[in-house]
Amino acid sequence: MPTRPDPMPASPRLSKKSRQERILAELRVAATLRISDLADALGVSSETIRRDLEELDQGGLINRTYGGAVARPFGFEPAWNERFGSMTDERQRIAALAVGFVQPRDVLMIDAGSTTVHFAQRLAAEAKDLTVITNCFAVAMALSTNATIAVIACPGHYDSHEGSVSGPDTIGFLGRFNANHCVIGASGLTSEGPNDAHSSAAAVKRAMLSRCQQHILLVDHSKFDRANLEVICPLSQIHRLVADAAPPRELAKALRDADVKLHV
């Protein structure tokens, strides 16, 4: 009796990371995607796609909708306190690593952001004898628990969404100071450089970078290959990138080419 031929091997199923990268790639082409269409295209259940979309939404990479997702607007970012409550483990690991670059009697400029607030909290717990210039109220409050850290707060127009000040008064004030380290966050990081969803925030970051010897960028992995409204500076102006995971291959190559030291 003739033997039956072996069945065709099933196509290998994508890993979660690869699946989510595929979803983001699809959203760059089609501004709106439905769960059912994604499930069919990727060969997984609708529930799996729902979980993927929830994670991408929490990371700020997409906007979740009923029955699907839409591309995230370049000029929008959740409020800083909403961002602060997400990916806390990753940001705390970033902060713990970044503190190691700070020495007693250093002068730092720290900008506004959820990751920089985690960094300020770790500074307050571990560092001493510092001077910190910041435009972020939450950073100033975190550092105020350490009596050996002198805090200089910038003037300017207060933005409750970002918990910080910006504008001409802030930029002019920063121009009066010199610092050893500038520690900034970003809404996203691409091969063009770090970027921000708000022009006013990008301007403050550039002003800080221009007054400091060492430029340290703190970003979690959800910011990799994420474009936003305005590029802050080219990669070549960043000296150190501190992250919770290694960046994708093309971004990693761009960082090496720009001589950015990566700390994971």
Protein backbone atom coordinates (compact mmCIF):
# COMPACT_ATOMS: atom_id res chain seq x y z
CA MET A 1 0.00 0.00 0.00
CA PRO A 2 1.58 3.31 -1.00
CA THR A 3 2.60 5.54 1.85
CA ARG A 4 0.96 8.94 2.19
CA PRO A 5 3.24 11.93 1.60
CA ASP A 6 4.31 13.90 4.63
CA PRO A 7 2.23 17.02 5.24
CA MET A 8 3.67 20.38 4.27
CA PRO A 9 5.59 21.92 7.17
CA ALA A 10 3.74 24.78 8.85
CA SER A 11 5.15 28.26 8.41
CA PRO A 12 7.11 29.30 11.48
CA ARG A 13 5.10 31.60 13.71
CA LEU A 14 6.58 35.03 14.41
CA SER A 15 7.87 35.85 17.87
CA LYS A 16 5.99 38.51 19.82
CA LYS A 17 8.71 41.09 19.12
CA SER A 18 8.70 40.33 15.39
CA ARG A 19 4.90 40.34 15.32
CA GLN A 20 4.71 43.75 16.97
CA GLU A 21 7.37 45.12 14.62
CA ARG A 22 5.24 43.88 11.72
CA ILE A 23 2.17 45.66 13.16
CA LEU A 24 4.11 48.92 13.40
CA ALA A 25 5.40 48.48 9.86
CA GLU A 26 1.86 47.94 8.59
CA LEU A 27 0.69 51.11 10.35
CA ARG A 28 3.32 53.12 8.52
CA VAL A 29 1.60 52.11 5.28
CA ALA A 30 -2.06 52.05 6.37
CA ALA A 31 -3.04 54.58 9.02
CA THR A 32 -5.77 52.27 10.40
CA LEU A 33 -5.72 48.50 11.02
CA ARG A 34 -8.40 46.08 12.19
CA ILE A 35 -7.76 43.27 14.67
CA SER A 36 -9.38 40.65 12.43
CA ASP A 37 -7.21 41.62 9.45
CA LEU A 38 -4.03 41.51 11.56
CA ALA A 39 -4.97 38.13 13.03
CA ASP A 40 -5.48 36.66 9.55
CA ALA A 41 -2.29 38.17 8.15
CA LEU A 42 -0.10 37.03 11.05
CA GLY A 43 -1.74 33.66 11.63
CA VAL A 44 -2.60 34.22 15.30
CA SER A 45 -5.76 34.65 17.32
CA SER A 46 -7.62 37.92 17.71
CA GLU A 47 -6.89 37.78 21.44
CA THR A 48 -3.14 37.66 20.74
CA ILE A 49 -3.43 40.73 18.51
CA ARG A 50 -5.44 42.53 21.21
CA ARG A 51 -2.64 41.91 23.71
CA ASP A 52 -0.06 43.15 21.21
CA LEU A 53 -2.05 46.32 20.57
CA GLU A 54 -2.47 46.94 24.30
CA GLU A 55 1.30 46.71 24.82
CA LEU A 56 2.04 48.96 21.87
CA ASP A 57 -0.55 51.45 23.09
CA GLN A 58 0.90 51.49 26.62
CA GLY A 59 4.33 52.10 25.12
CA GLY A 60 2.97 55.10 23.22
CA LEU A 61 3.71 53.54 19.83
CA ILE A 62 0.09 53.43 18.58
CA ASN A 63 -3.35 54.65 19.53
CA ARG A 64 -5.74 51.82 20.38
CA THR A 65 -9.25 52.01 18.91
CA TYR A 66 -12.35 49.87 19.15
CA GLY A 67 -11.64 46.88 16.95
CA GLY A 68 -8.14 47.92 15.91
CA ALA A 69 -5.48 50.63 16.03
CA VAL A 70 -4.45 53.85 14.32
CA ALA A 71 -1.03 55.36 13.78
CA ARG A 72 0.10 57.63 16.60
CA PRO A 73 0.23 61.35 15.73
CA PHE A 74 3.79 62.70 15.61
CA GLY A 75 2.88 65.71 17.75
CA PHE A 76 1.18 63.89 20.63
CA GLU A 77 2.54 62.24 23.77
CA PRO A 78 0.71 61.25 26.98
CA ALA A 79 1.16 63.51 30.02
CA TRP A 80 4.42 63.02 31.90
CA ASN A 81 2.72 61.45 34.97
CA GLU A 82 0.98 58.89 32.73
CA ARG A 83 4.32 58.01 31.13
CA PHE A 84 6.00 57.87 34.54
CA GLY A 85 3.69 55.03 35.61
CA SER A 86 4.57 52.80 32.64
CA MET A 87 7.68 50.67 32.07
CA THR A 88 8.91 51.54 35.55
CA ASP A 89 11.23 48.53 35.87
CA GLU A 90 12.99 49.39 32.61
CA ARG A 91 13.36 53.06 33.53
CA GLN A 92 14.65 52.28 36.99
CA ARG A 93 17.33 50.05 35.48
CA ILE A 94 18.29 52.86 33.09
CA ALA A 95 18.49 55.31 35.99
CA ALA A 96 20.62 52.96 38.10
CA LEU A 97 23.13 52.59 35.25
CA ALA A 98 23.24 56.29 34.37
CA VAL A 99 23.97 57.39 37.94
CA GLY A 100 27.35 55.70 37.65
CA PHE A 101 28.57 58.43 35.29
CA VAL A 102 28.10 61.17 37.90
CA GLN A 103 30.84 62.16 40.35
CA PRO A 104 30.71 64.35 43.48
CA ARG A 105 30.89 68.10 42.73
CA ASP A 106 29.63 67.61 39.19
CA VAL A 107 27.19 70.11 37.71
CA LEU A 108 24.29 68.58 35.77
CA MET A 109 21.49 69.83 33.56
CA ILE A 110 18.46 67.53 33.63
CA ASP A 111 15.48 68.08 31.38
CA ALA A 112 11.84 67.10 31.86
CA GLY A 113 10.57 63.58 31.25
CA SER A 114 9.39 60.41 32.91
CA THR A 115 12.79 58.67 32.61
CA THR A 116 14.71 61.69 33.88
CA VAL A 117 12.47 61.77 36.97
CA HIS A 118 13.47 58.17 37.70
CA PHE A 119 17.09 59.26 37.22
CA ALA A 120 16.62 62.16 39.66
CA GLN A 121 15.14 59.82 42.27
CA ARG A 122 18.16 57.53 41.98
CA LEU A 123 20.52 60.52 42.17
CA ALA A 124 18.82 61.66 45.37
CA ALA A 125 19.28 58.20 46.88
CA GLU A 126 22.91 57.60 45.88
CA ALA A 127 24.75 60.79 44.89
CA LYS A 128 26.09 63.70 46.92
CA ASP A 129 27.60 67.15 46.52
CA LEU A 130 26.03 67.97 43.17
CA THR A 131 24.56 71.05 41.53
CA VAL A 132 21.60 70.39 39.26
CA ILE A 133 19.92 72.83 36.88
CA THR A 134 16.51 71.67 35.71
CA ASN A 135 13.34 72.89 34.03
CA CYS A 136 11.29 70.04 35.53
CA PHE A 137 9.40 70.46 38.81
CA ALA A 138 9.25 66.70 39.48
CA VAL A 139 13.04 66.43 39.05
CA ALA A 140 13.57 69.34 41.46
CA MET A 141 11.22 67.80 44.04
CA ALA A 142 12.92 64.40 43.80
CA LEU A 143 16.35 65.95 44.35
CA SER A 144 15.15 68.10 47.25
CA THR A 145 15.19 65.03 49.52
CA ASN A 146 19.02 65.08 49.38
CA ALA A 147 20.45 68.05 51.29
CA THR A 148 23.83 67.76 49.54
CA ILE A 149 22.32 68.44 46.09
CA ALA A 150 21.85 72.10 45.19
CA VAL A 151 18.94 72.58 42.79
CA ILE A 152 18.62 75.55 40.43
CA ALA A 153 15.15 75.76 38.86
CA CYS A 154 14.64 77.44 35.50
CA PRO A 155 12.05 80.16 34.97
CA GLY A 156 9.63 80.04 32.05
CA HIS A 157 6.15 79.19 30.86
CA TYR A 158 4.74 76.26 32.83
CA ASP A 159 3.24 73.36 30.87
CA SER A 160 1.15 71.12 33.13
CA HIS A 161 1.09 68.37 30.49
CA GLU A 162 4.89 68.09 30.67
CA GLY A 163 5.33 69.24 34.29
CA SER A 164 8.04 71.65 33.18
CA VAL A 165 8.83 75.15 31.99
CA SER A 166 10.01 76.21 28.54
CA GLY A 167 10.13 79.25 26.30
CA PRO A 168 12.53 82.20 25.79
CA ASP A 169 13.04 82.82 29.53
CA THR A 170 14.07 79.18 30.03
CA ILE A 171 16.46 79.21 27.06
CA GLY A 172 18.04 82.51 28.12
CA PHE A 173 18.46 81.32 31.72
CA LEU A 174 20.23 78.10 30.67
CA GLY A 175 22.70 80.17 28.64
CA ARG A 176 24.14 81.57 31.88
CA PHE A 177 25.49 78.23 33.11
CA ASN A 178 28.09 75.59 32.29
CA ALA A 179 27.73 71.94 33.30
CA ASN A 180 29.64 68.68 33.21
CA HIS A 181 26.72 66.52 32.13
CA CYS A 182 23.47 67.06 30.28
CA VAL A 183 20.96 64.27 30.94
CA ILE A 184 17.97 64.27 28.61
CA GLY A 185 15.15 61.98 27.57
CA ALA A 186 13.40 61.83 24.21
CA SER A 187 10.04 60.90 22.73
CA GLY A 188 11.83 58.71 20.19
CA LEU A 189 15.19 57.74 18.73
CA THR A 190 15.95 57.07 15.06
CA SER A 191 19.09 57.07 12.94
CA GLU A 192 18.53 60.82 12.49
CA GLY A 193 18.88 61.38 16.23
CA PRO A 194 16.68 61.79 19.31
CA ASN A 195 13.36 63.52 18.71
CA ASP A 196 10.51 65.07 20.65
CA ALA A 197 6.77 65.44 20.18
CA HIS A 198 6.92 69.09 21.32
CA SER A 199 9.04 71.84 19.74
CA SER A 200 9.26 73.78 23.01
CA ALA A 201 10.75 70.75 24.79
CA ALA A 202 13.18 70.11 21.94
CA ALA A 203 14.41 73.71 22.18
CA VAL A 204 15.15 73.33 25.90
CA LYS A 205 17.08 70.11 25.28
CA ARG A 206 19.18 71.80 22.59
CA ALA A 207 19.94 74.70 24.93
CA MET A 208 21.10 72.26 27.61
CA LEU A 209 23.25 70.30 25.17
CA SER A 210 25.00 73.50 24.08
CA ARG A 211 26.13 74.26 27.65
CA CYS A 212 27.43 70.84 28.75
CA GLN A 213 30.58 68.80 28.20
CA GLN A 214 29.01 65.32 28.20
CA HIS A 215 25.63 64.53 26.64
CA ILE A 216 23.74 61.53 28.07
CA LEU A 217 20.51 60.30 26.50
CA LEU A 218 18.17 58.05 28.52
CA VAL A 219 15.58 56.05 26.54
CA ASP A 220 13.79 52.75 27.00
CA HIS A 221 13.43 50.27 24.14
CA SER A 222 9.93 51.47 23.19
CA LYS A 223 11.54 54.67 21.84
CA PHE A 224 13.73 52.86 19.30
CA ASP A 225 12.89 53.69 15.66
CA ARG A 226 10.07 55.94 16.84
CA ALA A 227 9.71 59.20 14.92
CA ASN A 228 8.12 62.32 16.37
CA LEU A 229 7.56 65.93 15.39
CA GLU A 230 11.04 67.41 15.78
CA VAL A 231 14.59 66.08 15.73
CA ILE A 232 16.51 67.42 18.74
CA CYS A 233 20.02 66.93 17.40
CA PRO A 234 22.02 64.54 15.21
CA LEU A 235 23.27 61.32 16.80
CA SER A 236 26.83 62.66 16.65
CA GLN A 237 25.98 65.18 19.38
CA ILE A 238 25.11 62.42 21.87
CA HIS A 239 28.05 60.94 23.78
CA ARG A 240 26.30 58.19 25.75
CA LEU A 241 23.04 56.32 25.24
CA VAL A 242 21.71 54.48 28.29
CA ALA A 243 18.90 52.02 27.52
CA ASP A 244 17.27 48.89 28.94
CA ALA A 245 17.81 46.81 25.79
CA ALA A 246 20.00 46.72 22.71
CA PRO A 247 18.60 48.72 19.77
CA PRO A 248 17.64 47.10 16.44
CA ARG A 249 20.46 46.35 14.02
CA GLU A 250 20.17 49.40 11.76
CA LEU A 251 19.85 51.82 14.67
CA ALA A 252 22.78 50.13 16.44
CA LYS A 253 24.91 50.62 13.33
CA ALA A 254 23.93 54.30 13.13
CA LEU A 255 24.94 54.73 16.77
CA ARG A 256 28.33 53.10 16.14
CA ASP A 257 28.90 55.25 13.07
CA ALA A 258 28.13 58.35 15.15
CA ASP A 259 30.53 57.18 17.88
CA VAL A 260 27.79 57.03 20.52
CA LYS A 261 28.75 54.86 23.50
CA LEU A 262 25.92 52.42 24.22
CA HIS A 263 25.26 51.29 27.80
CA VAL A 264 22.62 48.58 28.26
